[in-house]
Amino acid sequence: MRMPRRRLGARVGAALGAVAVAGGVVLGMASPAQANYTSPLYSTMAKCKAARPHYVSTWTSPGPCYPMYNSAGTKVVGYAFLVYTRY
């Protein structure tokens, strides 16, 4: 037995179309997410520098490697870099 199909009313269809267009406009005008985060810690400066190319994309670029110190600021615990958002 065939089930009859229900048609959406003209108002409901128009409302869904308006919502779809509005959503597309909002997404199209949205700015990219802000990256600006610190990379994971690397045990040596050489490993840190070797990892930097993996963080290059159309939206982000890595900064220079720098030492990370313990909470007392007396001992280097690793090396990291900042990943910046490109504008």
N, C-alpha and C. Protein backbone atom coordinates (compact mmCIF):
# COMPACT_ATOMS: atom_id res chain seq x y z
N MET A 1 0.84 -1.18 0.00
CA MET A 1 0.00 0.00 0.00
C MET A 1 0.89 1.24 0.00
N ARG A 2 0.60 2.18 -0.83
CA ARG A 2 1.38 3.40 -0.94
C ARG A 2 0.92 4.41 0.11
N MET A 3 1.92 5.05 0.74
CA MET A 3 1.60 6.09 1.72
C MET A 3 1.54 7.43 0.99
N PRO A 4 0.52 8.18 1.22
CA PRO A 4 0.46 9.49 0.57
C PRO A 4 1.54 10.42 1.14
N ARG A 5 2.15 11.18 0.26
CA ARG A 5 3.17 12.14 0.70
C ARG A 5 2.50 13.43 1.13
N ARG A 6 3.06 13.97 2.19
CA ARG A 6 2.56 15.27 2.65
C ARG A 6 3.45 16.36 2.07
N ARG A 7 2.86 17.40 1.66
CA ARG A 7 3.62 18.54 1.16
C ARG A 7 3.69 19.59 2.24
N LEU A 8 4.86 20.19 2.35
CA LEU A 8 4.99 21.28 3.31
C LEU A 8 4.20 22.47 2.80
N GLY A 9 3.65 23.20 3.71
CA GLY A 9 2.91 24.39 3.32
C GLY A 9 3.85 25.42 2.71
N ALA A 10 3.30 26.35 1.98
CA ALA A 10 4.10 27.38 1.32
C ALA A 10 4.85 28.22 2.34
N ARG A 11 4.23 28.50 3.47
CA ARG A 11 4.89 29.32 4.50
C ARG A 11 6.06 28.57 5.12
N VAL A 12 5.88 27.29 5.38
CA VAL A 12 6.95 26.50 5.99
C VAL A 12 8.13 26.38 5.03
N GLY A 13 7.86 26.14 3.78
CA GLY A 13 8.92 26.05 2.78
C GLY A 13 9.67 27.36 2.63
N ALA A 14 8.96 28.46 2.63
CA ALA A 14 9.60 29.77 2.53
C ALA A 14 10.45 30.06 3.76
N ALA A 15 9.95 29.67 4.92
CA ALA A 15 10.71 29.89 6.15
C ALA A 15 11.99 29.06 6.16
N LEU A 16 11.92 27.81 5.72
CA LEU A 16 13.11 26.98 5.66
C LEU A 16 14.13 27.54 4.67
N GLY A 17 13.65 28.04 3.56
CA GLY A 17 14.55 28.65 2.58
C GLY A 17 15.23 29.88 3.13
N ALA A 18 14.49 30.71 3.86
CA ALA A 18 15.07 31.92 4.45
C ALA A 18 16.12 31.57 5.50
N VAL A 19 15.85 30.54 6.29
CA VAL A 19 16.81 30.11 7.30
C VAL A 19 18.09 29.59 6.63
N ALA A 20 17.96 28.84 5.55
CA ALA A 20 19.13 28.32 4.85
C ALA A 20 19.96 29.45 4.26
N VAL A 21 19.33 30.44 3.67
CA VAL A 21 20.05 31.58 3.10
C VAL A 21 20.74 32.39 4.19
N ALA A 22 20.04 32.62 5.30
CA ALA A 22 20.63 33.38 6.40
C ALA A 22 21.84 32.64 6.99
N GLY A 23 21.73 31.33 7.13
CA GLY A 23 22.85 30.55 7.64
C GLY A 23 24.05 30.62 6.71
N GLY A 24 23.81 30.57 5.41
CA GLY A 24 24.90 30.68 4.45
C GLY A 24 25.58 32.04 4.52
N VAL A 25 24.80 33.09 4.70
CA VAL A 25 25.38 34.44 4.81
C VAL A 25 26.22 34.55 6.07
N VAL A 26 25.72 34.02 7.18
CA VAL A 26 26.48 34.08 8.43
C VAL A 26 27.79 33.31 8.31
N LEU A 27 27.76 32.11 7.76
CA LEU A 27 28.98 31.32 7.61
C LEU A 27 29.94 31.95 6.60
N GLY A 28 29.41 32.54 5.56
CA GLY A 28 30.26 33.15 4.56
C GLY A 28 30.98 34.39 5.04
N MET A 29 30.38 35.10 5.98
CA MET A 29 30.98 36.34 6.48
C MET A 29 31.76 36.13 7.77
N ALA A 30 31.79 34.92 8.30
CA ALA A 30 32.47 34.66 9.57
C ALA A 30 33.97 34.77 9.39
N SER A 31 34.64 35.30 10.42
CA SER A 31 36.09 35.37 10.37
C SER A 31 36.66 34.03 10.83
N PRO A 32 37.90 33.74 10.46
CA PRO A 32 38.49 32.47 10.87
C PRO A 32 38.69 32.41 12.37
N ALA A 33 38.74 31.21 12.88
CA ALA A 33 38.96 31.02 14.32
C ALA A 33 40.36 31.52 14.68
N GLN A 34 40.47 32.06 15.84
CA GLN A 34 41.76 32.56 16.30
C GLN A 34 42.60 31.39 16.81
N ALA A 35 43.79 31.23 16.25
CA ALA A 35 44.66 30.14 16.68
C ALA A 35 45.46 30.61 17.90
N ASN A 36 46.57 31.26 17.69
CA ASN A 36 47.40 31.79 18.76
C ASN A 36 47.49 30.86 19.95
N TYR A 37 48.11 29.73 19.76
CA TYR A 37 48.29 28.77 20.84
C TYR A 37 49.74 28.33 20.90
N THR A 38 50.13 27.76 22.03
CA THR A 38 51.49 27.27 22.22
C THR A 38 51.58 25.82 21.76
N SER A 39 52.64 25.51 21.08
CA SER A 39 52.87 24.14 20.61
C SER A 39 53.15 23.23 21.81
N PRO A 40 53.17 21.91 21.57
CA PRO A 40 53.60 20.99 22.64
C PRO A 40 55.07 21.24 22.99
N LEU A 41 55.49 20.76 24.14
CA LEU A 41 56.90 20.89 24.54
C LEU A 41 57.75 19.87 23.80
N TYR A 42 58.93 20.31 23.37
CA TYR A 42 59.90 19.44 22.74
C TYR A 42 61.14 19.41 23.61
N SER A 43 61.79 18.27 23.68
CA SER A 43 62.91 18.09 24.61
C SER A 43 64.16 18.86 24.21
N THR A 44 64.36 19.10 22.92
CA THR A 44 65.54 19.83 22.46
C THR A 44 65.13 20.93 21.49
N MET A 45 66.02 21.89 21.33
CA MET A 45 65.77 22.97 20.38
C MET A 45 65.71 22.43 18.95
N ALA A 46 66.51 21.43 18.63
CA ALA A 46 66.52 20.84 17.29
C ALA A 46 65.17 20.20 16.97
N LYS A 47 64.59 19.48 17.93
CA LYS A 47 63.28 18.86 17.71
C LYS A 47 62.20 19.92 17.56
N CYS A 48 62.32 21.00 18.31
CA CYS A 48 61.36 22.10 18.21
C CYS A 48 61.42 22.73 16.82
N LYS A 49 62.62 23.02 16.35
CA LYS A 49 62.77 23.63 15.01
C LYS A 49 62.31 22.68 13.91
N ALA A 50 62.51 21.37 14.10
CA ALA A 50 62.08 20.40 13.10
C ALA A 50 60.56 20.29 13.04
N ALA A 51 59.87 20.57 14.13
CA ALA A 51 58.41 20.45 14.18
C ALA A 51 57.69 21.67 13.61
N ARG A 52 58.35 22.81 13.54
CA ARG A 52 57.70 24.04 13.10
C ARG A 52 57.05 23.95 11.71
N PRO A 53 57.66 23.32 10.70
CA PRO A 53 57.02 23.27 9.38
C PRO A 53 55.66 22.56 9.37
N HIS A 54 55.42 21.69 10.34
CA HIS A 54 54.14 20.98 10.40
C HIS A 54 52.99 21.90 10.82
N TYR A 55 53.30 23.07 11.34
CA TYR A 55 52.28 24.00 11.81
C TYR A 55 52.01 25.13 10.82
N VAL A 56 52.58 25.07 9.65
CA VAL A 56 52.34 26.08 8.62
C VAL A 56 51.10 25.68 7.84
N SER A 57 50.12 26.59 7.74
CA SER A 57 48.92 26.35 6.94
C SER A 57 48.47 27.68 6.35
N THR A 58 47.34 27.67 5.67
CA THR A 58 46.82 28.91 5.10
C THR A 58 46.32 29.84 6.20
N TRP A 59 46.03 29.30 7.38
CA TRP A 59 45.49 30.12 8.48
C TRP A 59 46.51 30.39 9.57
N THR A 60 47.56 29.58 9.68
CA THR A 60 48.48 29.72 10.80
C THR A 60 49.93 29.75 10.34
N SER A 61 50.78 30.34 11.17
CA SER A 61 52.22 30.30 10.94
C SER A 61 52.92 30.21 12.30
N PRO A 62 53.97 29.41 12.40
CA PRO A 62 54.66 29.25 13.68
C PRO A 62 55.67 30.36 13.92
N GLY A 63 55.82 30.71 15.19
CA GLY A 63 56.84 31.67 15.58
C GLY A 63 58.14 30.95 15.88
N PRO A 64 59.13 31.67 16.38
CA PRO A 64 60.42 31.04 16.70
C PRO A 64 60.32 30.18 17.97
N CYS A 65 61.21 29.21 18.08
CA CYS A 65 61.28 28.36 19.27
C CYS A 65 61.90 29.16 20.43
N TYR A 66 61.44 28.88 21.63
CA TYR A 66 61.99 29.52 22.81
C TYR A 66 61.95 28.54 23.97
N PRO A 67 62.83 28.73 24.97
CA PRO A 67 62.87 27.80 26.10
C PRO A 67 61.68 28.01 27.03
N MET A 68 61.19 26.92 27.60
CA MET A 68 60.12 26.96 28.60
C MET A 68 60.75 26.57 29.93
N TYR A 69 60.49 27.35 30.96
CA TYR A 69 61.10 27.14 32.27
C TYR A 69 60.11 26.53 33.25
N ASN A 70 60.64 25.94 34.33
CA ASN A 70 59.78 25.40 35.39
C ASN A 70 59.10 26.55 36.12
N SER A 71 58.25 26.24 37.08
CA SER A 71 57.46 27.28 37.75
C SER A 71 58.33 28.24 38.55
N ALA A 72 59.49 27.80 38.98
CA ALA A 72 60.40 28.69 39.70
C ALA A 72 61.24 29.55 38.75
N GLY A 73 61.24 29.19 37.48
CA GLY A 73 61.99 29.94 36.49
C GLY A 73 63.48 29.67 36.53
N THR A 74 63.87 28.51 37.06
CA THR A 74 65.28 28.21 37.22
C THR A 74 65.81 27.15 36.27
N LYS A 75 64.93 26.32 35.71
CA LYS A 75 65.39 25.19 34.89
C LYS A 75 64.57 25.12 33.59
N VAL A 76 65.25 24.89 32.47
CA VAL A 76 64.56 24.71 31.20
C VAL A 76 63.94 23.32 31.17
N VAL A 77 62.62 23.26 30.94
CA VAL A 77 61.92 21.97 30.91
C VAL A 77 61.61 21.51 29.49
N GLY A 78 61.83 22.36 28.52
CA GLY A 78 61.57 22.01 27.13
C GLY A 78 61.58 23.26 26.27
N TYR A 79 61.21 23.07 25.00
CA TYR A 79 61.19 24.17 24.05
C TYR A 79 59.84 24.16 23.33
N ALA A 80 59.33 25.35 23.03
CA ALA A 80 58.03 25.47 22.37
C ALA A 80 58.04 26.71 21.48
N PHE A 81 56.97 26.89 20.73
CA PHE A 81 56.79 28.07 19.89
C PHE A 81 55.31 28.41 19.86
N LEU A 82 55.01 29.66 19.54
CA LEU A 82 53.63 30.09 19.38
C LEU A 82 53.18 29.89 17.95
N VAL A 83 51.92 29.51 17.78
CA VAL A 83 51.33 29.38 16.47
C VAL A 83 50.36 30.55 16.31
N TYR A 84 50.63 31.41 15.33
CA TYR A 84 49.87 32.63 15.13
C TYR A 84 48.84 32.50 14.02
N THR A 85 47.74 33.23 14.15
CA THR A 85 46.74 33.31 13.10
C THR A 85 47.20 34.30 12.04
N ARG A 86 47.08 33.91 10.78
CA ARG A 86 47.38 34.84 9.67
C ARG A 86 46.12 35.63 9.38
N TYR A 87 46.31 36.89 9.07
CA TYR A 87 45.14 37.75 8.76
C TYR A 87 45.12 38.09 7.31
